[in-house]
Amino acid sequence: MSGGGRPPVEVTWIWRRVFTYLTSLANAGLLAAVIAKVKDPRHLAALGLALVAANVVLATLYLAGATVTDWARIAGAARGLPKSGEGGS
């Protein structure tokens, strides 16, 4: 890659943001549907908490998840390859 090129997409977090925001909106819509449809308090609580937990997992993955470039570095280190920018041989 030349020095003036754009960084890989994952480094900019754009797709991670798009996925997380869309999934969170879908979960919020499902939560609203559950609240509107389910009349039994036990089922409402269980389904609502499950959807809230899904949003917590998504937020955790969004904030703490490794990027593709991080995974590539980890895989390279496991195979014993030199880090990018370091001379081999």
PDB file of N, CA and C in Angstrom:
ATOM      1  N   MET A   1       0.845  -1.176   0.000  1.00  0.00           N
ATOM      2  CA  MET A   1       0.000   0.000   0.000  1.00  0.00           C
ATOM      3  C   MET A   1       0.884   1.230   0.000  1.00  0.00           C
ATOM      4  N   SER A   2       0.571   2.173  -0.826  1.00  0.00           N
ATOM      5  CA  SER A   2       1.384   3.387  -0.884  1.00  0.00           C
ATOM      6  C   SER A   2       1.057   4.288   0.299  1.00  0.00           C
ATOM      7  N   GLY A   3       1.939   5.202   0.615  1.00  0.00           N
ATOM      8  CA  GLY A   3       1.788   6.063   1.780  1.00  0.00           C
ATOM      9  C   GLY A   3       0.585   6.987   1.710  1.00  0.00           C
ATOM     10  N   GLY A   4       0.099   7.357   0.512  1.00  0.00           N
ATOM     11  CA  GLY A   4      -0.999   8.300   0.390  1.00  0.00           C
ATOM     12  C   GLY A   4      -2.367   7.645   0.278  1.00  0.00           C
ATOM     13  N   GLY A   5      -2.427   6.309   0.345  1.00  0.00           N
ATOM     14  CA  GLY A   5      -3.701   5.613   0.183  1.00  0.00           C
ATOM     15  C   GLY A   5      -4.605   5.747   1.408  1.00  0.00           C
ATOM     16  N   ARG A   6      -5.874   5.449   1.177  1.00  0.00           N
ATOM     17  CA  ARG A   6      -6.841   5.467   2.277  1.00  0.00           C
ATOM     18  C   ARG A   6      -6.601   4.284   3.201  1.00  0.00           C
ATOM     19  N   PRO A   7      -6.908   4.434   4.501  1.00  0.00           N
ATOM     20  CA  PRO A   7      -6.760   3.289   5.401  1.00  0.00           C
ATOM     21  C   PRO A   7      -7.825   2.241   5.092  1.00  0.00           C
ATOM     22  N   PRO A   8      -7.605   0.993   5.509  1.00  0.00           N
ATOM     23  CA  PRO A   8      -8.645  -0.022   5.318  1.00  0.00           C
ATOM     24  C   PRO A   8      -9.949   0.438   5.966  1.00  0.00           C
ATOM     25  N   VAL A   9     -11.072  -0.012   5.423  1.00  0.00           N
ATOM     26  CA  VAL A   9     -12.381   0.449   5.881  1.00  0.00           C
ATOM     27  C   VAL A   9     -12.566   0.220   7.378  1.00  0.00           C
ATOM     28  N   GLU A  10     -12.184  -0.941   7.885  1.00  0.00           N
ATOM     29  CA  GLU A  10     -12.421  -1.264   9.287  1.00  0.00           C
ATOM     30  C   GLU A  10     -11.700  -0.304  10.223  1.00  0.00           C
ATOM     31  N   VAL A  11     -10.573   0.220   9.820  1.00  0.00           N
ATOM     32  CA  VAL A  11      -9.824   1.126  10.680  1.00  0.00           C
ATOM     33  C   VAL A  11     -10.622   2.396  10.952  1.00  0.00           C
ATOM     34  N   THR A  12     -11.471   2.797  10.021  1.00  0.00           N
ATOM     35  CA  THR A  12     -12.270   4.006  10.210  1.00  0.00           C
ATOM     36  C   THR A  12     -13.525   3.760  11.048  1.00  0.00           C
ATOM     37  N   TRP A  13     -13.845   2.540  11.365  1.00  0.00           N
ATOM     38  CA  TRP A  13     -14.988   2.142  12.191  1.00  0.00           C
ATOM     39  C   TRP A  13     -16.328   2.388  11.524  1.00  0.00           C
ATOM     40  N   ILE A  14     -16.370   2.804  10.263  1.00  0.00           N
ATOM     41  CA  ILE A  14     -17.650   3.152   9.640  1.00  0.00           C
ATOM     42  C   ILE A  14     -18.601   1.968   9.584  1.00  0.00           C
ATOM     43  N   TRP A  15     -18.111   0.794   9.169  1.00  0.00           N
ATOM     44  CA  TRP A  15     -19.013  -0.350   9.036  1.00  0.00           C
ATOM     45  C   TRP A  15     -19.420  -0.895  10.394  1.00  0.00           C
ATOM     46  N   ARG A  16     -18.515  -0.798  11.357  1.00  0.00           N
ATOM     47  CA  ARG A  16     -18.871  -1.222  12.710  1.00  0.00           C
ATOM     48  C   ARG A  16     -19.971  -0.317  13.262  1.00  0.00           C
ATOM     49  N   ARG A  17     -19.865   0.977  12.990  1.00  0.00           N
ATOM     50  CA  ARG A  17     -20.900   1.917  13.432  1.00  0.00           C
ATOM     51  C   ARG A  17     -22.220   1.648  12.731  1.00  0.00           C
ATOM     52  N   VAL A  18     -22.184   1.476  11.426  1.00  0.00           N
ATOM     53  CA  VAL A  18     -23.413   1.228  10.672  1.00  0.00           C
ATOM     54  C   VAL A  18     -24.101  -0.031  11.190  1.00  0.00           C
ATOM     55  N   PHE A  19     -23.353  -1.112  11.329  1.00  0.00           N
ATOM     56  CA  PHE A  19     -23.935  -2.363  11.822  1.00  0.00           C
ATOM     57  C   PHE A  19     -24.515  -2.192  13.224  1.00  0.00           C
ATOM     58  N   THR A  20     -23.749  -1.562  14.109  1.00  0.00           N
ATOM     59  CA  THR A  20     -24.194  -1.416  15.495  1.00  0.00           C
ATOM     60  C   THR A  20     -25.422  -0.533  15.584  1.00  0.00           C
ATOM     61  N   TYR A  21     -25.437   0.592  14.880  1.00  0.00           N
ATOM     62  CA  TYR A  21     -26.583   1.492  14.939  1.00  0.00           C
ATOM     63  C   TYR A  21     -27.836   0.839  14.364  1.00  0.00           C
ATOM     64  N   LEU A  22     -27.705   0.180  13.206  1.00  0.00           N
ATOM     65  CA  LEU A  22     -28.871  -0.464  12.615  1.00  0.00           C
ATOM     66  C   LEU A  22     -29.397  -1.598  13.489  1.00  0.00           C
ATOM     67  N   THR A  23     -28.508  -2.388  14.040  1.00  0.00           N
ATOM     68  CA  THR A  23     -28.933  -3.483  14.900  1.00  0.00           C
ATOM     69  C   THR A  23     -29.554  -2.959  16.187  1.00  0.00           C
ATOM     70  N   SER A  24     -29.007  -1.901  16.743  1.00  0.00           N
ATOM     71  CA  SER A  24     -29.593  -1.305  17.949  1.00  0.00           C
ATOM     72  C   SER A  24     -30.982  -0.746  17.666  1.00  0.00           C
ATOM     73  N   LEU A  25     -31.155  -0.116  16.508  1.00  0.00           N
ATOM     74  CA  LEU A  25     -32.482   0.380  16.133  1.00  0.00           C
ATOM     75  C   LEU A  25     -33.474  -0.769  15.950  1.00  0.00           C
ATOM     76  N   ALA A  26     -33.020  -1.856  15.324  1.00  0.00           N
ATOM     77  CA  ALA A  26     -33.887  -3.019  15.159  1.00  0.00           C
ATOM     78  C   ALA A  26     -34.267  -3.600  16.516  1.00  0.00           C
ATOM     79  N   ASN A  27     -33.307  -3.685  17.426  1.00  0.00           N
ATOM     80  CA  ASN A  27     -33.607  -4.185  18.768  1.00  0.00           C
ATOM     81  C   ASN A  27     -34.564  -3.260  19.510  1.00  0.00           C
ATOM     82  N   ALA A  28     -34.402  -1.952  19.342  1.00  0.00           N
ATOM     83  CA  ALA A  28     -35.321  -1.009  19.982  1.00  0.00           C
ATOM     84  C   ALA A  28     -36.731  -1.179  19.418  1.00  0.00           C
ATOM     85  N   GLY A  29     -36.833  -1.389  18.100  1.00  0.00           N
ATOM     86  CA  GLY A  29     -38.144  -1.644  17.498  1.00  0.00           C
ATOM     87  C   GLY A  29     -38.771  -2.923  18.015  1.00  0.00           C
ATOM     88  N   LEU A  30     -37.954  -3.974  18.138  1.00  0.00           N
ATOM     89  CA  LEU A  30     -38.463  -5.231  18.698  1.00  0.00           C
ATOM     90  C   LEU A  30     -38.892  -5.049  20.149  1.00  0.00           C
ATOM     91  N   LEU A  31     -38.137  -4.277  20.906  1.00  0.00           N
ATOM     92  CA  LEU A  31     -38.503  -4.015  22.295  1.00  0.00           C
ATOM     93  C   LEU A  31     -39.840  -3.285  22.365  1.00  0.00           C
ATOM     94  N   ALA A  32     -40.050  -2.307  21.500  1.00  0.00           N
ATOM     95  CA  ALA A  32     -41.328  -1.596  21.469  1.00  0.00           C
ATOM     96  C   ALA A  32     -42.466  -2.537  21.090  1.00  0.00           C
ATOM     97  N   ALA A  33     -42.222  -3.436  20.126  1.00  0.00           N
ATOM     98  CA  ALA A  33     -43.250  -4.393  19.728  1.00  0.00           C
ATOM     99  C   ALA A  33     -43.577  -5.351  20.872  1.00  0.00           C
ATOM    100  N   VAL A  34     -42.561  -5.774  21.593  1.00  0.00           N
ATOM    101  CA  VAL A  34     -42.789  -6.665  22.729  1.00  0.00           C
ATOM    102  C   VAL A  34     -43.637  -5.963  23.788  1.00  0.00           C
ATOM    103  N   ILE A  35     -43.308  -4.733  24.089  1.00  0.00           N
ATOM    104  CA  ILE A  35     -44.060  -3.992  25.093  1.00  0.00           C
ATOM    105  C   ILE A  35     -45.511  -3.810  24.649  1.00  0.00           C
ATOM    106  N   ALA A  36     -45.727  -3.557  23.356  1.00  0.00           N
ATOM    107  CA  ALA A  36     -47.084  -3.333  22.852  1.00  0.00           C
ATOM    108  C   ALA A  36     -47.910  -4.617  22.791  1.00  0.00           C
ATOM    109  N   LYS A  37     -47.299  -5.743  22.504  1.00  0.00           N
ATOM    110  CA  LYS A  37     -48.045  -6.979  22.247  1.00  0.00           C
ATOM    111  C   LYS A  37     -48.208  -7.882  23.464  1.00  0.00           C
ATOM    112  N   VAL A  38     -47.163  -8.032  24.240  1.00  0.00           N
ATOM    113  CA  VAL A  38     -47.184  -9.023  25.321  1.00  0.00           C
ATOM    114  C   VAL A  38     -47.884  -8.436  26.539  1.00  0.00           C
ATOM    115  N   LYS A  39     -48.857  -9.180  27.027  1.00  0.00           N
ATOM    116  CA  LYS A  39     -49.621  -8.710  28.190  1.00  0.00           C
ATOM    117  C   LYS A  39     -49.178  -9.381  29.492  1.00  0.00           C
ATOM    118  N   ASP A  40     -48.554 -10.553  29.386  1.00  0.00           N
ATOM    119  CA  ASP A  40     -48.107 -11.267  30.574  1.00  0.00           C
ATOM    120  C   ASP A  40     -46.824 -10.613  31.099  1.00  0.00           C
ATOM    121  N   PRO A  41     -46.830 -10.130  32.344  1.00  0.00           N
ATOM    122  CA  PRO A  41     -45.663  -9.416  32.872  1.00  0.00           C
ATOM    123  C   PRO A  41     -44.382 -10.254  32.898  1.00  0.00           C
ATOM    124  N   ARG A  42     -44.484 -11.544  33.175  1.00  0.00           N
ATOM    125  CA  ARG A  42     -43.276 -12.381  33.225  1.00  0.00           C
ATOM    126  C   ARG A  42     -42.636 -12.504  31.842  1.00  0.00           C
ATOM    127  N   HIS A  43     -43.445 -12.776  30.836  1.00  0.00           N
ATOM    128  CA  HIS A  43     -42.910 -12.886  29.481  1.00  0.00           C
ATOM    129  C   HIS A  43     -42.400 -11.537  28.980  1.00  0.00           C
ATOM    130  N   LEU A  44     -43.120 -10.483  29.306  1.00  0.00           N
ATOM    131  CA  LEU A  44     -42.692  -9.147  28.901  1.00  0.00           C
ATOM    132  C   LEU A  44     -41.321  -8.820  29.497  1.00  0.00           C
ATOM    133  N   ALA A  45     -41.156  -9.119  30.771  1.00  0.00           N
ATOM    134  CA  ALA A  45     -39.880  -8.843  31.433  1.00  0.00           C
ATOM    135  C   ALA A  45     -38.751  -9.672  30.814  1.00  0.00           C
ATOM    136  N   ALA A  46     -39.000 -10.952  30.576  1.00  0.00           N
ATOM    137  CA  ALA A  46     -37.958 -11.824  30.023  1.00  0.00           C
ATOM    138  C   ALA A  46     -37.550 -11.383  28.618  1.00  0.00           C
ATOM    139  N   LEU A  47     -38.523 -11.133  27.767  1.00  0.00           N
ATOM    140  CA  LEU A  47     -38.205 -10.722  26.400  1.00  0.00           C
ATOM    141  C   LEU A  47     -37.565  -9.341  26.361  1.00  0.00           C
ATOM    142  N   GLY A  48     -38.066  -8.439  27.162  1.00  0.00           N
ATOM    143  CA  GLY A  48     -37.487  -7.098  27.206  1.00  0.00           C
ATOM    144  C   GLY A  48     -36.049  -7.121  27.697  1.00  0.00           C
ATOM    145  N   LEU A  49     -35.783  -7.871  28.755  1.00  0.00           N
ATOM    146  CA  LEU A  49     -34.415  -7.964  29.271  1.00  0.00           C
ATOM    147  C   LEU A  49     -33.480  -8.639  28.267  1.00  0.00           C
ATOM    148  N   ALA A  50     -33.980  -9.617  27.525  1.00  0.00           N
ATOM    149  CA  ALA A  50     -33.154 -10.266  26.504  1.00  0.00           C
ATOM    150  C   ALA A  50     -32.756  -9.277  25.413  1.00  0.00           C
ATOM    151  N   LEU A  51     -33.681  -8.432  24.990  1.00  0.00           N
ATOM    152  CA  LEU A  51     -33.365  -7.443  23.966  1.00  0.00           C
ATOM    153  C   LEU A  51     -32.419  -6.368  24.499  1.00  0.00           C
ATOM    154  N   VAL A  52     -32.606  -5.967  25.736  1.00  0.00           N
ATOM    155  CA  VAL A  52     -31.686  -4.996  26.336  1.00  0.00           C
ATOM    156  C   VAL A  52     -30.289  -5.615  26.447  1.00  0.00           C
ATOM    157  N   ALA A  53     -30.216  -6.886  26.842  1.00  0.00           N
ATOM    158  CA  ALA A  53     -28.919  -7.577  26.933  1.00  0.00           C
ATOM    159  C   ALA A  53     -28.250  -7.657  25.561  1.00  0.00           C
ATOM    160  N   ALA A  54     -29.042  -7.870  24.509  1.00  0.00           N
ATOM    161  CA  ALA A  54     -28.473  -7.901  23.155  1.00  0.00           C
ATOM    162  C   ALA A  54     -27.851  -6.552  22.809  1.00  0.00           C
ATOM    163  N   ASN A  55     -28.497  -5.462  23.199  1.00  0.00           N
ATOM    164  CA  ASN A  55     -27.926  -4.139  22.948  1.00  0.00           C
ATOM    165  C   ASN A  55     -26.656  -3.923  23.752  1.00  0.00           C
ATOM    166  N   VAL A  56     -26.591  -4.447  24.958  1.00  0.00           N
ATOM    167  CA  VAL A  56     -25.376  -4.326  25.772  1.00  0.00           C
ATOM    168  C   VAL A  56     -24.228  -5.092  25.109  1.00  0.00           C
ATOM    169  N   VAL A  57     -24.521  -6.285  24.604  1.00  0.00           N
ATOM    170  CA  VAL A  57     -23.489  -7.069  23.913  1.00  0.00           C
ATOM    171  C   VAL A  57     -23.002  -6.326  22.674  1.00  0.00           C
ATOM    172  N   LEU A  58     -23.926  -5.756  21.900  1.00  0.00           N
ATOM    173  CA  LEU A  58     -23.532  -4.996  20.712  1.00  0.00           C
ATOM    174  C   LEU A  58     -22.667  -3.796  21.073  1.00  0.00           C
ATOM    175  N   ALA A  59     -23.047  -3.084  22.118  1.00  0.00           N
ATOM    176  CA  ALA A  59     -22.259  -1.922  22.530  1.00  0.00           C
ATOM    177  C   ALA A  59     -20.866  -2.347  22.982  1.00  0.00           C
ATOM    178  N   THR A  60     -20.780  -3.462  23.691  1.00  0.00           N
ATOM    179  CA  THR A  60     -19.477  -3.957  24.137  1.00  0.00           C
ATOM    180  C   THR A  60     -18.607  -4.345  22.949  1.00  0.00           C
ATOM    181  N   LEU A  61     -19.192  -5.052  21.988  1.00  0.00           N
ATOM    182  CA  LEU A  61     -18.432  -5.427  20.791  1.00  0.00           C
ATOM    183  C   LEU A  61     -18.011  -4.181  20.010  1.00  0.00           C
ATOM    184  N   TYR A  62     -18.867  -3.196  19.963  1.00  0.00           N
ATOM    185  CA  TYR A  62     -18.565  -1.963  19.235  1.00  0.00           C
ATOM    186  C   TYR A  62     -17.382  -1.231  19.866  1.00  0.00           C
ATOM    187  N   LEU A  63     -17.392  -1.150  21.178  1.00  0.00           N
ATOM    188  CA  LEU A  63     -16.359  -0.381  21.868  1.00  0.00           C
ATOM    189  C   LEU A  63     -15.068  -1.160  22.096  1.00  0.00           C
ATOM    190  N   ALA A  64     -15.174  -2.451  22.380  1.00  0.00           N
ATOM    191  CA  ALA A  64     -13.990  -3.206  22.776  1.00  0.00           C
ATOM    192  C   ALA A  64     -13.563  -4.250  21.754  1.00  0.00           C
ATOM    193  N   GLY A  65     -14.332  -4.430  20.687  1.00  0.00           N
ATOM    194  CA  GLY A  65     -14.018  -5.458  19.712  1.00  0.00           C
ATOM    195  C   GLY A  65     -12.772  -5.129  18.912  1.00  0.00           C
ATOM    196  N   ALA A  66     -12.013  -6.142  18.599  1.00  0.00           N
ATOM    197  CA  ALA A  66     -10.799  -5.950  17.803  1.00  0.00           C
ATOM    198  C   ALA A  66     -11.180  -5.677  16.352  1.00  0.00           C
ATOM    199  N   THR A  67     -10.429  -4.837  15.707  1.00  0.00           N
ATOM    200  CA  THR A  67     -10.657  -4.578  14.291  1.00  0.00           C
ATOM    201  C   THR A  67     -10.033  -5.675  13.461  1.00  0.00           C
ATOM    202  N   VAL A  68     -10.349  -5.693  12.195  1.00  0.00           N
ATOM    203  CA  VAL A  68      -9.792  -6.701  11.290  1.00  0.00           C
ATOM    204  C   VAL A  68      -8.269  -6.602  11.267  1.00  0.00           C
ATOM    205  N   THR A  69      -7.750  -5.377  11.290  1.00  0.00           N
ATOM    206  CA  THR A  69      -6.293  -5.229  11.279  1.00  0.00           C
ATOM    207  C   THR A  69      -5.670  -5.765  12.563  1.00  0.00           C
ATOM    208  N   ASP A  70      -6.362  -5.618  13.693  1.00  0.00           N
ATOM    209  CA  ASP A  70      -5.865  -6.198  14.941  1.00  0.00           C
ATOM    210  C   ASP A  70      -5.810  -7.721  14.844  1.00  0.00           C
ATOM    211  N   TRP A  71      -6.881  -8.316  14.283  1.00  0.00           N
ATOM    212  CA  TRP A  71      -6.906  -9.775  14.137  1.00  0.00           C
ATOM    213  C   TRP A  71      -5.790 -10.237  13.200  1.00  0.00           C
ATOM    214  N   ALA A  72      -5.504  -9.472  12.156  1.00  0.00           N
ATOM    215  CA  ALA A  72      -4.428  -9.830  11.241  1.00  0.00           C
ATOM    216  C   ALA A  72      -3.079  -9.792  11.957  1.00  0.00           C
ATOM    217  N   ARG A  73      -2.875  -8.786  12.800  1.00  0.00           N
ATOM    218  CA  ARG A  73      -1.624  -8.714  13.573  1.00  0.00           C
ATOM    219  C   ARG A  73      -1.505  -9.881  14.550  1.00  0.00           C
ATOM    220  N   ILE A  74      -2.625 -10.230  15.194  1.00  0.00           N
ATOM    221  CA  ILE A  74      -2.617 -11.349  16.141  1.00  0.00           C
ATOM    222  C   ILE A  74      -2.286 -12.647  15.405  1.00  0.00           C
ATOM    223  N   ALA A  75      -2.927 -12.860  14.236  1.00  0.00           N
ATOM    224  CA  ALA A  75      -2.660 -14.070  13.462  1.00  0.00           C
ATOM    225  C   ALA A  75      -1.211 -14.097  12.990  1.00  0.00           C
ATOM    226  N   GLY A  76      -0.681 -12.955  12.554  1.00  0.00           N
ATOM    227  CA  GLY A  76       0.712 -12.894  12.124  1.00  0.00           C
ATOM    228  C   GLY A  76       1.671 -13.185  13.260  1.00  0.00           C
ATOM    229  N   ALA A  77       1.368 -12.674  14.449  1.00  0.00           N
ATOM    230  CA  ALA A  77       2.218 -12.934  15.609  1.00  0.00           C
ATOM    231  C   ALA A  77       2.178 -14.414  15.989  1.00  0.00           C
ATOM    232  N   ALA A  78       1.007 -15.029  15.852  1.00  0.00           N
ATOM    233  CA  ALA A  78       0.891 -16.452  16.177  1.00  0.00           C
ATOM    234  C   ALA A  78       1.695 -17.317  15.212  1.00  0.00           C
ATOM    235  N   ARG A  79       1.808 -16.858  13.957  1.00  0.00           N
ATOM    236  CA  ARG A  79       2.594 -17.605  12.966  1.00  0.00           C
ATOM    237  C   ARG A  79       4.060 -17.224  13.006  1.00  0.00           C
ATOM    238  N   GLY A  80       4.431 -16.224  13.804  1.00  0.00           N
ATOM    239  CA  GLY A  80       5.803 -15.827  13.903  1.00  0.00           C
ATOM    240  C   GLY A  80       6.260 -14.870  12.811  1.00  0.00           C
ATOM    241  N   LEU A  81       5.311 -14.222  12.137  1.00  0.00           N
ATOM    242  CA  LEU A  81       5.664 -13.272  11.095  1.00  0.00           C
ATOM    243  C   LEU A  81       6.093 -11.947  11.730  1.00  0.00           C
ATOM    244  N   PRO A  82       7.023 -11.225  11.095  1.00  0.00           N
ATOM    245  CA  PRO A  82       7.418  -9.920  11.647  1.00  0.00           C
ATOM    246  C   PRO A  82       6.285  -8.924  11.521  1.00  0.00           C
ATOM    247  N   LYS A  83       6.219  -7.957  12.458  1.00  0.00           N
ATOM    248  CA  LYS A  83       5.210  -6.906  12.401  1.00  0.00           C
ATOM    249  C   LYS A  83       5.452  -6.050  11.180  1.00  0.00           C
ATOM    250  N   SER A  84       4.386  -5.450  10.662  1.00  0.00           N
ATOM    251  CA  SER A  84       4.568  -4.569   9.509  1.00  0.00           C
ATOM    252  C   SER A  84       5.425  -3.380   9.942  1.00  0.00           C
ATOM    253  N   GLY A  85       6.357  -2.993   9.101  1.00  0.00           N
ATOM    254  CA  GLY A  85       7.240  -1.914   9.427  1.00  0.00           C
ATOM    255  C   GLY A  85       8.557  -2.401  10.028  1.00  0.00           C
ATOM    256  N   GLU A  86       8.612  -3.679  10.416  1.00  0.00           N
ATOM    257  CA  GLU A  86       9.838  -4.234  10.935  1.00  0.00           C
ATOM    258  C   GLU A  86      10.524  -5.026   9.841  1.00  0.00           C
ATOM    259  N   GLY A  87      11.773  -4.900   9.739  1.00  0.00           N
ATOM    260  CA  GLY A  87      12.518  -5.641   8.725  1.00  0.00           C
ATOM    261  C   GLY A  87      12.716  -7.084   9.153  1.00  0.00           C
ATOM    262  N   GLY A  88      12.515  -7.984   8.229  1.00  0.00           N
ATOM    263  CA  GLY A  88      12.793  -9.391   8.506  1.00  0.00           C
ATOM    264  C   GLY A  88      14.172  -9.738   7.986  1.00  0.00           C
ATOM    265  N   SER A  89      14.567 -10.956   8.111  1.00  0.00           N
ATOM    266  CA  SER A  89      15.827 -11.535   7.637  1.00  0.00           C
ATOM    267  C   SER A  89      16.936 -10.986   8.400  1.00  0.00           C
TER     268      SER A  89
END
